[in-house]
C-alpha cells in the first residue's frame, strides 16, 4: 500500500476532531477520533451521503441504547441484543456503511445504563468526528476520481501492452508474468471502483446540463475499462488453453502478429484520447477487416486440424472480442469530445 491523500486526510481529520473536543472540553475524545476515521470517504458525494446516513443511524442508535440501558441495564447480553437490533435497522434502510460508529455509540451509551446526558454527549462526539472528516475531505486535496482515472487508465494499458506482446512468444519470465498479471487485475478492479465514484458524482452532484456533458465522457471511460477487461481475458485464455494445444510455428507467428496489431491499434486509440493523433476512420475500418480475416483464417484452419481445436478456438474467440471492443472504442475516439481536449 502506497502513501496517498486519503491517508493524510484521515490523520488530519482525527487531529481536527481531537482539537475540537479539547476546545469544548468534552470527555472521551476517542469517540470523535474513531468517528473521523470511519467517516473519511473516497468522494465528495459519498462523504455527504455518509454524513446524512450517519446522522440518522446514530440518532436511532442513541435512542435505542438509552431505552435498552433504562429497561435492560448494561448487562452484556442486553448490549448484544441492542447491537443486533441496530444492525438490522441499518441494513433494512441500506445504511450498512454507518454500522461501525453507530455500534460504538450504542455500546458507549449502554455502558452508562442509558443516561440521556451521556447519550447526548456521545452523539455530539460522533458528530464532531464525522463533520471533521467531511470538512477535511472537501478542503484538503478534494477527491478527483476523473484525474486519477485518466492517469491510471494509461498506466494499466502499459501493463496490458507488455503482457499481450509477450503472451504467445513466451519471452517474459514466468515469475515476472505472474506478478505483472496479478498487478494488472488489481489495477483494473481499482479502475472499476473509480468509475463507480465518477458515475455517482455525475448523477448526484451535477446539474442536468453537466450530467449530460459528463455522461458522454462516462460512456468513453466505461468502454476504456471494458477494453482493458477484454484484454485481460485474452491473457487468461492464452494461459489456460494456448500452450496446452498442438501448434505449428506458423500458427504461433500468426497469433503473435495479430496480438501485436491489436495492441498497436489500442495504442493509437489511446494517443487519440491524448489529443496526439488525428481522427482516422480508415484505420478503424482496416483493423476491423483484419480482425474479421484473422477469425476466418482460424476457422478455416480449425476445420482442417483436429488436435487442439477447442482450446485454440477459445483463444481466437477472446482475441476477436477484444478486437471488436477496440473497434467500438476507436469510433468513440474519433467522435468523442474527450479525445479532442474538451474536458
Protein backbone atom coordinates (compact mmCIF):
# COMPACT_ATOMS: atom_id res chain seq x y z
CA UNK A 1 0.00 0.00 0.00
CA UNK A 2 1.36 3.40 -1.00
CA UNK A 3 1.01 6.65 0.91
CA UNK A 4 -1.82 8.70 -0.54
CA UNK A 5 -4.02 11.73 0.05
CA UNK A 6 -6.68 9.71 1.84
CA UNK A 7 -4.21 8.54 4.48
CA UNK A 8 -3.05 12.12 5.05
CA UNK A 9 -6.64 13.39 5.24
CA UNK A 10 -7.62 10.70 7.73
CA UNK A 11 -4.82 11.81 10.03
CA UNK A 12 -5.81 15.46 9.65
CA UNK A 13 -9.48 14.64 10.32
CA UNK A 14 -8.56 12.80 13.52
CA UNK A 15 -6.37 15.73 14.59
CA UNK A 16 -9.13 18.26 13.91
CA UNK A 17 -11.71 16.16 15.78
CA UNK A 18 -9.46 15.85 18.82
CA UNK A 19 -8.73 19.58 18.87
CA UNK A 20 -12.43 20.45 18.66
CA UNK A 21 -13.15 18.12 21.59
CA UNK A 22 -10.39 19.80 23.59
CA UNK A 23 -11.69 23.28 22.73
CA UNK A 24 -15.16 22.38 24.03
CA UNK A 25 -13.67 20.50 26.98
CA UNK A 26 -15.70 17.35 26.25
CA UNK A 27 -14.89 13.94 27.75
CA UNK A 28 -13.93 10.79 25.82
CA UNK A 29 -12.28 12.32 22.72
CA UNK A 30 -11.58 8.82 21.39
CA UNK A 31 -15.20 8.57 20.18
CA UNK A 32 -14.71 11.62 17.95
CA UNK A 33 -11.43 10.25 16.59
CA UNK A 34 -13.00 6.88 15.76
CA UNK A 35 -15.92 8.63 14.03
CA UNK A 36 -13.50 10.70 11.92
CA UNK A 37 -11.66 7.55 10.81
CA UNK A 38 -14.88 5.80 9.73
CA UNK A 39 -16.25 8.92 8.01
CA UNK A 40 -13.38 9.53 5.58
CA UNK A 41 -14.78 8.61 2.15
CA UNK A 42 -13.23 8.45 -1.36
CA UNK A 43 -15.57 11.04 -2.95
CA UNK A 44 -17.46 14.22 -2.03
CA UNK A 45 -20.81 12.60 -2.72
CA UNK A 46 -20.06 9.59 -0.55
CA UNK A 47 -18.87 11.91 2.24
CA UNK A 48 -22.15 13.83 2.09
CA UNK A 49 -24.22 10.64 1.91
CA UNK A 50 -22.29 9.16 4.83
CA UNK A 51 -22.91 12.32 6.88
CA UNK A 52 -26.67 12.19 6.24
CA UNK A 53 -26.92 8.45 6.82
CA UNK A 54 -24.81 8.58 9.97
CA UNK A 55 -26.93 11.35 11.48
CA UNK A 56 -29.95 9.09 11.16
CA UNK A 57 -28.34 5.89 12.38
CA UNK A 58 -26.51 7.34 15.40
CA UNK A 59 -29.78 9.06 16.38
CA UNK A 60 -31.59 5.72 16.18
CA UNK A 61 -28.69 4.01 17.92
CA UNK A 62 -28.53 6.53 20.76
CA UNK A 63 -32.31 6.32 21.34
CA UNK A 64 -32.28 2.52 21.33
CA UNK A 65 -29.24 2.49 23.59
CA UNK A 66 -30.95 4.82 26.08
CA UNK A 67 -34.11 2.70 26.10
CA UNK A 68 -32.09 -0.51 26.31
CA UNK A 69 -29.99 0.84 29.15
CA UNK A 70 -33.05 2.01 31.08
CA UNK A 71 -35.03 -1.20 30.56
CA UNK A 72 -32.32 -3.85 30.44
CA UNK A 73 -29.43 -2.13 32.26
CA UNK A 74 -25.92 -2.63 30.89
CA UNK A 75 -25.71 -6.41 31.04
CA UNK A 76 -23.58 -7.88 28.23
CA UNK A 77 -26.49 -9.83 26.76
CA UNK A 78 -28.60 -6.65 26.66
CA UNK A 79 -25.81 -4.75 24.87
CA UNK A 80 -25.52 -7.57 22.36
CA UNK A 81 -29.28 -7.64 21.68
CA UNK A 82 -29.43 -3.88 21.09
CA UNK A 83 -26.42 -4.10 18.77
CA UNK A 84 -28.20 -6.79 16.75
CA UNK A 85 -31.29 -4.59 16.53
CA UNK A 86 -29.23 -1.60 15.36
CA UNK A 87 -27.50 -3.71 12.68
CA UNK A 88 -30.91 -4.90 11.42
CA UNK A 89 -32.17 -1.31 11.20
CA UNK A 90 -29.05 -0.14 9.33
CA UNK A 91 -29.29 -2.98 6.84
CA UNK A 92 -33.05 -2.50 6.41
CA UNK A 93 -32.55 1.12 5.39
CA UNK A 94 -29.43 0.28 3.31
CA UNK A 95 -27.04 2.13 5.61
CA UNK A 96 -24.53 -0.65 6.08
CA UNK A 97 -21.55 1.73 5.80
CA UNK A 98 -22.63 3.53 9.00
CA UNK A 99 -22.89 0.48 11.24
CA UNK A 100 -19.40 0.73 12.76
CA UNK A 101 -19.54 4.09 14.52
CA UNK A 102 -23.23 3.61 15.38
CA UNK A 103 -22.36 0.44 17.32
CA UNK A 104 -19.55 2.29 19.10
CA UNK A 105 -22.12 4.88 20.19
CA UNK A 106 -24.59 2.19 21.32
CA UNK A 107 -22.02 0.35 23.44
CA UNK A 108 -20.75 3.60 25.00
CA UNK A 109 -24.26 4.80 25.90
CA UNK A 110 -25.40 1.46 27.30
CA UNK A 111 -22.26 1.30 29.41
CA UNK A 112 -23.70 4.26 31.34
CA UNK A 113 -27.04 2.43 31.74
CA UNK A 114 -28.79 4.64 29.19
CA UNK A 115 -28.38 8.09 30.77
CA UNK A 116 -29.70 10.86 28.48
CA UNK A 117 -26.84 13.25 29.24
CA UNK A 118 -24.31 10.57 28.42
CA UNK A 119 -26.13 9.67 25.19
CA UNK A 120 -26.20 13.31 24.09
CA UNK A 121 -22.51 13.64 24.82
CA UNK A 122 -21.67 10.59 22.71
CA UNK A 123 -23.91 11.85 19.91
CA UNK A 124 -22.08 15.20 19.87
CA UNK A 125 -18.68 13.48 19.89
CA UNK A 126 -19.65 11.29 16.93
CA UNK A 127 -20.99 14.31 15.06
CA UNK A 128 -17.74 16.21 15.67
CA UNK A 129 -15.73 13.34 14.18
CA UNK A 130 -17.99 12.99 11.12
CA UNK A 131 -18.04 16.72 10.41
CA UNK A 132 -14.25 16.92 10.84
CA UNK A 133 -13.78 14.22 8.20
CA UNK A 134 -16.28 15.89 5.88
CA UNK A 135 -14.60 19.30 6.14
CA UNK A 136 -11.08 17.91 5.65
CA UNK A 137 -12.24 15.83 2.68
CA UNK A 138 -13.57 18.94 0.94
CA UNK A 139 -10.74 21.35 1.79
CA UNK A 140 -7.59 19.21 1.63
CA UNK A 141 -6.90 17.56 -1.74
CA UNK A 142 -10.58 17.12 -2.65
CA UNK A 143 -11.16 13.78 -4.39
CA UNK A 144 -10.72 13.94 -8.17
CA UNK A 145 -11.60 10.46 -9.42
CA UNK A 146 -11.62 11.62 -13.07
CA UNK A 147 -7.99 12.82 -12.96
CA UNK A 148 -6.93 9.64 -11.19
CA UNK A 149 -8.87 7.55 -13.71
CA UNK A 150 -7.17 9.23 -16.68
CA UNK A 151 -3.74 8.59 -15.22
CA UNK A 152 -4.42 5.03 -14.16
CA UNK A 153 -6.09 4.00 -17.42
CA UNK A 154 -2.87 4.79 -19.28
CA UNK A 155 -0.67 3.02 -16.73
CA UNK A 156 -2.94 -0.02 -16.95
CA UNK A 157 -2.70 -0.02 -20.74
CA UNK A 158 1.11 -0.11 -20.48
CA UNK A 159 0.85 -3.17 -18.21
CA UNK A 160 -1.54 -4.88 -20.63
CA UNK A 161 0.66 -4.00 -23.61
CA UNK A 162 3.70 -5.70 -22.10
CA UNK A 163 1.81 -8.88 -21.25
CA UNK A 164 -0.06 -9.21 -24.56
CA UNK A 165 3.07 -8.58 -26.62
CA UNK A 166 4.89 -11.40 -24.84
CA UNK A 167 1.96 -13.73 -24.10
CA UNK A 168 2.30 -16.04 -27.11
CA UNK A 169 6.01 -15.58 -27.81
CA UNK A 170 6.66 -16.72 -24.21
CA UNK A 171 9.61 -14.30 -23.89
CA UNK A 172 8.77 -12.91 -20.48
CA UNK A 173 9.97 -14.68 -17.33
CA UNK A 174 7.27 -16.75 -15.63
CA UNK A 175 7.70 -15.02 -12.26
CA UNK A 176 7.53 -11.57 -13.86
CA UNK A 177 4.47 -12.57 -15.90
CA UNK A 178 2.57 -13.80 -12.85
CA UNK A 179 3.45 -10.70 -10.86
CA UNK A 180 2.50 -8.31 -13.68
CA UNK A 181 -0.72 -10.16 -14.42
CA UNK A 182 -1.76 -10.06 -10.75
CA UNK A 183 -0.96 -6.35 -10.65
CA UNK A 184 -2.97 -5.80 -13.85
CA UNK A 185 -6.02 -7.49 -12.34
CA UNK A 186 -5.77 -5.33 -9.22
CA UNK A 187 -5.47 -2.09 -11.20
CA UNK A 188 -8.46 -2.99 -13.38
CA UNK A 189 -10.52 -3.61 -10.23
CA UNK A 190 -9.31 -0.26 -8.88
CA UNK A 191 -10.37 1.44 -12.12
CA UNK A 192 -13.80 -0.14 -11.77
CA UNK A 193 -14.15 1.38 -8.30
CA UNK A 194 -13.11 4.82 -9.58
CA UNK A 195 -15.62 4.57 -12.41
CA UNK A 196 -18.38 3.94 -9.88
CA UNK A 197 -17.30 7.05 -7.96
CA UNK A 198 -17.43 9.18 -11.12
CA UNK A 199 -20.82 7.76 -12.02
CA UNK A 200 -22.16 8.55 -8.54
CA UNK A 201 -20.80 12.11 -8.58
CA UNK A 202 -22.21 12.74 -12.03
CA UNK A 203 -25.71 11.54 -11.12
CA UNK A 204 -25.98 13.03 -7.64
CA UNK A 205 -23.99 16.26 -7.53
CA UNK A 206 -24.30 17.77 -11.01
CA UNK A 207 -26.89 19.86 -12.84
CA UNK A 208 -28.82 18.31 -15.73
CA UNK A 209 -26.58 20.05 -18.29
CA UNK A 210 -23.41 18.96 -16.51
CA UNK A 211 -24.74 15.40 -16.21
CA UNK A 212 -25.33 15.27 -19.97
CA UNK A 213 -21.82 16.53 -20.72
CA UNK A 214 -20.17 14.19 -18.24
CA UNK A 215 -22.44 11.37 -19.34
CA UNK A 216 -20.72 11.37 -22.74
CA UNK A 217 -17.35 11.18 -21.05
CA UNK A 218 -18.52 8.33 -18.83
CA UNK A 219 -19.51 6.34 -21.92
CA UNK A 220 -15.92 6.66 -23.13
CA UNK A 221 -14.44 5.78 -19.73
CA UNK A 222 -16.71 2.75 -19.44
CA UNK A 223 -15.60 1.48 -22.85
CA UNK A 224 -11.93 2.06 -21.96
CA UNK A 225 -12.43 -0.12 -18.89
CA UNK A 226 -14.29 -2.77 -20.88
CA UNK A 227 -11.47 -2.96 -23.43
CA UNK A 228 -8.89 -3.47 -20.68
CA UNK A 229 -11.01 -6.25 -19.18
CA UNK A 230 -11.27 -7.94 -22.57
CA UNK A 231 -7.51 -7.70 -22.99
CA UNK A 232 -7.08 -9.32 -19.59
CA UNK A 233 -9.47 -12.11 -20.64
CA UNK A 234 -7.24 -12.77 -23.65
CA UNK A 235 -4.33 -13.27 -21.26
CA UNK A 236 -6.44 -15.68 -19.23
CA UNK A 237 -7.37 -17.65 -22.35
CA UNK A 238 -3.75 -17.85 -23.50
CA UNK A 239 -2.62 -19.05 -20.09
CA UNK A 240 -5.38 -21.64 -19.74
CA UNK A 241 -5.57 -23.01 -23.29
CA UNK A 242 -2.95 -21.82 -25.77
CA UNK A 243 0.13 -23.63 -24.58
CA UNK A 244 -1.83 -26.84 -23.95
CA UNK A 245 -2.84 -27.05 -27.63
CA UNK A 246 -0.87 -28.50 -30.52
CA UNK A 247 0.53 -25.62 -32.61
CA UNK A 248 2.82 -25.19 -35.57
CA UNK A 249 5.47 -22.43 -35.72
CA UNK A 250 3.42 -20.73 -38.45
CA UNK A 251 0.36 -20.68 -36.20
CA UNK A 252 2.40 -19.22 -33.34
CA UNK A 253 3.59 -16.44 -35.64
CA UNK A 254 0.05 -15.70 -36.80
CA UNK A 255 -1.30 -15.40 -33.27
CA UNK A 256 1.68 -13.31 -32.21
CA UNK A 257 1.35 -10.96 -35.20
CA UNK A 258 -2.35 -10.40 -34.63
CA UNK A 259 -1.82 -9.67 -30.95
CA UNK A 260 0.81 -7.13 -31.96
CA UNK A 261 -1.64 -5.50 -34.39
CA UNK A 262 -4.31 -5.29 -31.69
CA UNK A 263 -2.08 -3.74 -29.06
CA UNK A 264 -0.70 -1.27 -31.62
CA UNK A 265 -4.26 -0.30 -32.56
CA UNK A 266 -5.09 0.06 -28.87
CA UNK A 267 -2.04 2.31 -28.50
CA UNK A 268 -3.19 4.52 -31.39
CA UNK A 269 -6.62 4.88 -29.80
CA UNK A 270 -5.07 5.99 -26.50
CA UNK A 271 -2.98 8.57 -28.39
CA UNK A 272 -6.20 9.94 -29.90
CA UNK A 273 -7.59 10.40 -26.42
CA UNK A 274 -4.37 12.20 -25.52
CA UNK A 275 -5.12 14.52 -28.47
CA UNK A 276 -1.87 13.50 -30.18
CA UNK A 277 -3.33 11.78 -33.24
CA UNK A 278 -5.98 12.96 -35.67
CA UNK A 279 -9.24 11.00 -36.13
CA UNK A 280 -8.59 8.21 -38.63
CA UNK A 281 -11.70 6.39 -39.78
CA UNK A 282 -9.80 4.38 -42.37
CA UNK A 283 -7.53 2.91 -39.69
CA UNK A 284 -10.57 1.61 -37.82
CA UNK A 285 -12.10 0.09 -40.95
CA UNK A 286 -8.80 -1.56 -41.86
CA UNK A 287 -8.41 -3.05 -38.39
CA UNK A 288 -11.99 -4.35 -38.48
CA UNK A 289 -11.28 -6.13 -41.76
CA UNK A 290 -8.04 -7.59 -40.41
CA UNK A 291 -9.78 -8.80 -37.25
CA UNK A 292 -12.52 -10.49 -39.30
CA UNK A 293 -9.97 -12.03 -41.66
CA UNK A 294 -7.95 -13.39 -38.73
CA UNK A 295 -11.04 -15.12 -37.34
CA UNK A 296 -11.98 -16.54 -40.75
CA UNK A 297 -8.45 -17.90 -41.25
CA UNK A 298 -8.56 -19.51 -37.83
CA UNK A 299 -11.92 -21.12 -38.56
CA UNK A 300 -10.63 -22.48 -41.87
CA UNK A 301 -7.52 -23.80 -40.16
CA UNK A 302 -9.54 -25.40 -37.36
CA UNK A 303 -11.72 -27.14 -39.94
CA UNK A 304 -8.61 -28.89 -41.28
CA UNK A 305 -6.91 -29.51 -37.95
CA UNK A 306 -8.30 -32.00 -35.43
CA UNK A 307 -5.99 -31.72 -32.44
CA UNK A 308 -6.16 -28.72 -30.11
CA UNK A 309 -9.04 -27.12 -32.00
CA UNK A 310 -11.26 -26.41 -29.00
CA UNK A 311 -8.53 -24.76 -26.96
CA UNK A 312 -7.27 -22.61 -29.83
CA UNK A 313 -10.81 -21.62 -30.80
CA UNK A 314 -11.36 -20.27 -27.26
CA UNK A 315 -8.22 -18.14 -27.54
CA UNK A 316 -9.22 -16.95 -31.02
CA UNK A 317 -12.71 -16.01 -29.83
CA UNK A 318 -11.33 -13.97 -26.92
CA UNK A 319 -8.93 -12.17 -29.25
CA UNK A 320 -11.73 -11.43 -31.70
CA UNK A 321 -13.92 -10.00 -28.93
CA UNK A 322 -11.04 -7.85 -27.68
CA UNK A 323 -10.63 -6.55 -31.22
CA UNK A 324 -14.37 -5.89 -31.51
CA UNK A 325 -14.36 -3.79 -28.34
CA UNK A 326 -11.30 -1.92 -29.66
CA UNK A 327 -13.30 -1.02 -32.78
CA UNK A 328 -16.05 0.44 -30.62
CA UNK A 329 -13.54 2.42 -28.56
CA UNK A 330 -11.94 3.73 -31.74
CA UNK A 331 -15.28 5.02 -33.01
CA UNK A 332 -15.74 6.84 -29.72
CA UNK A 333 -12.22 8.28 -30.01
CA UNK A 334 -12.91 9.62 -33.49
CA UNK A 335 -16.13 11.34 -32.37
CA UNK A 336 -15.70 11.97 -28.64
CA UNK A 337 -15.01 15.43 -27.15
CA UNK A 338 -12.76 13.67 -24.61
CA UNK A 339 -10.34 12.87 -27.43
CA UNK A 340 -10.18 16.47 -28.63
CA UNK A 341 -9.39 18.31 -25.43
CA UNK A 342 -13.00 19.22 -24.48
CA UNK A 343 -12.76 18.04 -20.88
